[in-house]
Amino acid sequence: MTVPDPAAAGGALATRATERPVERPVERQQVERPSEPAGARPARWDVATLCGETGEAILVHKGEDYRLRITARGRLILTK
């Protein structure tokens, strides 16, 4: 089984099993983000404080209730 020359395939590589071109990964560039004004950081809450002794809190988003719960293993579950 022959593998096509990557240069002849427009820079795409071919796999031996299918001989279909496989695209090379695109190099990601760092995007410069504008600096945030002072005080624009998101609110930071301690989940244990938010959930209290019950380990649950009700969050309201657009009029809908969501339950945030701390599991026995210390993980978080958010349900509608």
N, C-alpha and C. Protein backbone atom coordinates (compact mmCIF):
# COMPACT_ATOMS: atom_id res chain seq x y z
N MET A 1 0.86 -1.17 0.00
CA MET A 1 0.00 0.00 0.00
C MET A 1 0.90 1.23 0.00
N THR A 2 0.65 2.15 -0.88
CA THR A 2 1.47 3.35 -0.96
C THR A 2 0.78 4.50 -0.25
N VAL A 3 1.61 5.37 0.29
CA VAL A 3 1.10 6.55 0.98
C VAL A 3 1.44 7.75 0.13
N PRO A 4 0.45 8.58 -0.21
CA PRO A 4 0.72 9.75 -1.05
C PRO A 4 1.70 10.70 -0.37
N ASP A 5 2.45 11.40 -1.20
CA ASP A 5 3.39 12.39 -0.71
C ASP A 5 2.62 13.56 -0.09
N PRO A 6 2.92 13.92 1.20
CA PRO A 6 2.18 15.02 1.83
C PRO A 6 2.28 16.33 1.06
N ALA A 7 3.42 16.58 0.45
CA ALA A 7 3.58 17.83 -0.31
C ALA A 7 2.65 17.84 -1.51
N ALA A 8 2.43 16.68 -2.12
CA ALA A 8 1.56 16.60 -3.29
C ALA A 8 0.09 16.73 -2.91
N ALA A 9 -0.24 16.43 -1.66
CA ALA A 9 -1.63 16.48 -1.21
C ALA A 9 -1.96 17.83 -0.57
N GLY A 10 -1.19 18.84 -0.87
CA GLY A 10 -1.48 20.17 -0.33
C GLY A 10 -1.17 20.29 1.14
N GLY A 11 -0.19 19.53 1.61
CA GLY A 11 0.20 19.62 3.01
C GLY A 11 -0.55 18.68 3.91
N ALA A 12 -1.54 17.94 3.40
CA ALA A 12 -2.29 17.00 4.23
C ALA A 12 -1.54 15.68 4.31
N LEU A 13 -1.65 15.00 5.41
CA LEU A 13 -1.03 13.70 5.59
C LEU A 13 -2.04 12.61 5.31
N ALA A 14 -1.59 11.43 4.91
CA ALA A 14 -2.51 10.31 4.66
C ALA A 14 -2.20 9.20 5.65
N THR A 15 -3.23 8.52 6.09
CA THR A 15 -3.04 7.37 6.97
C THR A 15 -2.90 6.14 6.10
N ARG A 16 -2.18 5.15 6.57
CA ARG A 16 -1.96 3.94 5.77
C ARG A 16 -3.24 3.11 5.64
N ALA A 17 -4.07 3.09 6.66
CA ALA A 17 -5.27 2.25 6.64
C ALA A 17 -6.30 2.75 5.64
N THR A 18 -6.49 4.03 5.54
CA THR A 18 -7.57 4.56 4.70
C THR A 18 -7.07 5.39 3.53
N GLU A 19 -5.86 5.89 3.62
CA GLU A 19 -5.27 6.78 2.63
C GLU A 19 -6.09 8.05 2.42
N ARG A 20 -6.95 8.38 3.39
CA ARG A 20 -7.66 9.66 3.32
C ARG A 20 -6.77 10.73 3.94
N PRO A 21 -6.78 11.94 3.43
CA PRO A 21 -5.95 12.99 4.01
C PRO A 21 -6.39 13.31 5.44
N VAL A 22 -5.43 13.55 6.30
CA VAL A 22 -5.68 13.95 7.67
C VAL A 22 -5.08 15.34 7.82
N GLU A 23 -5.88 16.28 8.24
CA GLU A 23 -5.42 17.66 8.37
C GLU A 23 -4.40 17.78 9.49
N ARG A 24 -3.41 18.61 9.27
CA ARG A 24 -2.42 18.89 10.31
C ARG A 24 -3.05 19.82 11.34
N PRO A 25 -2.64 19.68 12.61
CA PRO A 25 -3.19 20.58 13.63
C PRO A 25 -2.80 22.03 13.34
N VAL A 26 -3.73 22.92 13.58
CA VAL A 26 -3.49 24.34 13.35
C VAL A 26 -2.80 24.90 14.58
N GLU A 27 -1.76 25.69 14.35
CA GLU A 27 -1.07 26.32 15.47
C GLU A 27 -1.96 27.39 16.06
N ARG A 28 -2.14 27.32 17.38
CA ARG A 28 -2.98 28.32 18.04
C ARG A 28 -2.14 29.53 18.42
N GLN A 29 -2.68 30.69 18.19
CA GLN A 29 -1.98 31.91 18.52
C GLN A 29 -2.57 32.51 19.78
N GLN A 30 -1.72 33.11 20.58
CA GLN A 30 -2.18 33.78 21.79
C GLN A 30 -2.92 35.05 21.39
N VAL A 31 -4.15 35.19 21.87
CA VAL A 31 -4.95 36.36 21.56
C VAL A 31 -4.82 37.34 22.72
N GLU A 32 -4.48 38.56 22.39
CA GLU A 32 -4.36 39.57 23.43
C GLU A 32 -5.74 40.07 23.81
N ARG A 33 -6.05 40.01 25.09
CA ARG A 33 -7.37 40.43 25.57
C ARG A 33 -7.24 41.79 26.23
N PRO A 34 -8.26 42.61 26.08
CA PRO A 34 -8.19 43.92 26.74
C PRO A 34 -8.21 43.73 28.26
N SER A 35 -7.49 44.60 28.94
CA SER A 35 -7.46 44.48 30.40
C SER A 35 -8.82 44.86 30.98
N GLU A 36 -9.18 44.20 32.06
CA GLU A 36 -10.46 44.46 32.71
C GLU A 36 -10.31 45.67 33.63
N PRO A 37 -11.34 46.51 33.68
CA PRO A 37 -11.29 47.62 34.62
C PRO A 37 -11.30 47.11 36.05
N ALA A 38 -10.76 47.88 36.95
CA ALA A 38 -10.72 47.50 38.36
C ALA A 38 -12.14 47.23 38.85
N GLY A 39 -12.32 46.17 39.62
CA GLY A 39 -13.63 45.84 40.16
C GLY A 39 -14.49 45.03 39.21
N ALA A 40 -13.97 44.68 38.01
CA ALA A 40 -14.77 43.94 37.03
C ALA A 40 -14.58 42.43 37.17
N ARG A 41 -13.90 41.99 38.18
CA ARG A 41 -13.69 40.56 38.38
C ARG A 41 -14.98 39.91 38.85
N PRO A 42 -15.18 38.63 38.50
CA PRO A 42 -16.41 37.95 38.94
C PRO A 42 -16.42 37.76 40.46
N ALA A 43 -17.63 37.68 41.01
CA ALA A 43 -17.77 37.45 42.45
C ALA A 43 -17.18 36.10 42.79
N ARG A 44 -16.55 35.99 43.94
CA ARG A 44 -15.93 34.75 44.38
C ARG A 44 -16.57 34.32 45.68
N TRP A 45 -17.14 33.11 45.69
CA TRP A 45 -17.85 32.60 46.86
C TRP A 45 -17.24 31.29 47.30
N ASP A 46 -17.13 31.07 48.59
CA ASP A 46 -16.73 29.78 49.13
C ASP A 46 -17.97 28.90 49.12
N VAL A 47 -17.90 27.76 48.46
CA VAL A 47 -19.08 26.91 48.29
C VAL A 47 -19.59 26.40 49.63
N ALA A 48 -18.71 26.06 50.54
CA ALA A 48 -19.14 25.57 51.86
C ALA A 48 -19.93 26.65 52.59
N THR A 49 -19.53 27.89 52.45
CA THR A 49 -20.25 28.99 53.06
C THR A 49 -21.59 29.21 52.35
N LEU A 50 -21.56 29.12 51.04
CA LEU A 50 -22.77 29.33 50.24
C LEU A 50 -23.81 28.25 50.54
N CYS A 51 -23.38 26.99 50.66
CA CYS A 51 -24.31 25.88 50.88
C CYS A 51 -24.65 25.67 52.35
N GLY A 52 -23.85 26.17 53.25
CA GLY A 52 -24.15 26.06 54.67
C GLY A 52 -24.13 24.63 55.19
N GLU A 53 -24.81 24.40 56.32
CA GLU A 53 -24.82 23.09 56.97
C GLU A 53 -25.52 22.02 56.15
N THR A 54 -26.48 22.41 55.33
CA THR A 54 -27.23 21.42 54.54
C THR A 54 -26.45 20.90 53.34
N GLY A 55 -25.43 21.64 52.92
CA GLY A 55 -24.66 21.23 51.75
C GLY A 55 -25.37 21.52 50.45
N GLU A 56 -26.42 22.33 50.50
CA GLU A 56 -27.18 22.67 49.30
C GLU A 56 -27.49 24.15 49.27
N ALA A 57 -27.60 24.69 48.07
CA ALA A 57 -28.02 26.08 47.90
C ALA A 57 -28.92 26.15 46.67
N ILE A 58 -29.88 27.02 46.70
CA ILE A 58 -30.76 27.26 45.55
C ILE A 58 -30.28 28.54 44.88
N LEU A 59 -29.94 28.42 43.59
CA LEU A 59 -29.52 29.58 42.80
C LEU A 59 -30.65 29.92 41.84
N VAL A 60 -30.94 31.18 41.66
CA VAL A 60 -32.01 31.61 40.76
C VAL A 60 -31.37 32.29 39.55
N HIS A 61 -31.70 31.77 38.36
CA HIS A 61 -31.18 32.33 37.11
C HIS A 61 -32.35 32.50 36.15
N LYS A 62 -32.62 33.74 35.75
CA LYS A 62 -33.73 34.06 34.84
C LYS A 62 -35.04 33.47 35.34
N GLY A 63 -35.28 33.57 36.64
CA GLY A 63 -36.53 33.11 37.22
C GLY A 63 -36.60 31.60 37.46
N GLU A 64 -35.57 30.86 37.11
CA GLU A 64 -35.55 29.40 37.29
C GLU A 64 -34.66 29.05 38.48
N ASP A 65 -35.08 28.07 39.27
CA ASP A 65 -34.30 27.60 40.42
C ASP A 65 -33.34 26.50 39.99
N TYR A 66 -32.12 26.59 40.46
CA TYR A 66 -31.10 25.57 40.25
C TYR A 66 -30.56 25.17 41.62
N ARG A 67 -30.37 23.88 41.82
CA ARG A 67 -29.87 23.38 43.11
C ARG A 67 -28.39 23.05 42.97
N LEU A 68 -27.57 23.66 43.83
CA LEU A 68 -26.15 23.36 43.90
C LEU A 68 -25.96 22.51 45.14
N ARG A 69 -25.36 21.33 44.95
CA ARG A 69 -25.22 20.40 46.06
C ARG A 69 -23.79 19.89 46.15
N ILE A 70 -23.28 19.76 47.39
CA ILE A 70 -21.98 19.16 47.64
C ILE A 70 -22.21 17.68 47.93
N THR A 71 -21.57 16.80 47.18
CA THR A 71 -21.75 15.36 47.38
C THR A 71 -20.91 14.88 48.57
N ALA A 72 -21.14 13.63 48.95
CA ALA A 72 -20.38 13.03 50.06
C ALA A 72 -18.88 12.97 49.74
N ARG A 73 -18.54 12.93 48.46
CA ARG A 73 -17.13 12.90 48.05
C ARG A 73 -16.54 14.30 47.85
N GLY A 74 -17.35 15.31 48.13
CA GLY A 74 -16.86 16.69 48.02
C GLY A 74 -16.95 17.29 46.64
N ARG A 75 -17.66 16.64 45.75
CA ARG A 75 -17.85 17.17 44.40
C ARG A 75 -19.10 18.03 44.35
N LEU A 76 -19.23 18.81 43.28
CA LEU A 76 -20.39 19.69 43.13
C LEU A 76 -21.32 19.17 42.05
N ILE A 77 -22.62 19.27 42.31
CA ILE A 77 -23.64 18.93 41.32
C ILE A 77 -24.61 20.11 41.23
N LEU A 78 -24.83 20.57 40.00
CA LEU A 78 -25.79 21.63 39.75
C LEU A 78 -26.92 21.06 38.91
N THR A 79 -28.13 21.09 39.46
CA THR A 79 -29.29 20.54 38.74
C THR A 79 -30.39 21.59 38.65
N LYS A 80 -31.24 21.41 37.67
CA LYS A 80 -32.36 22.32 37.48
C LYS A 80 -33.57 21.77 38.22
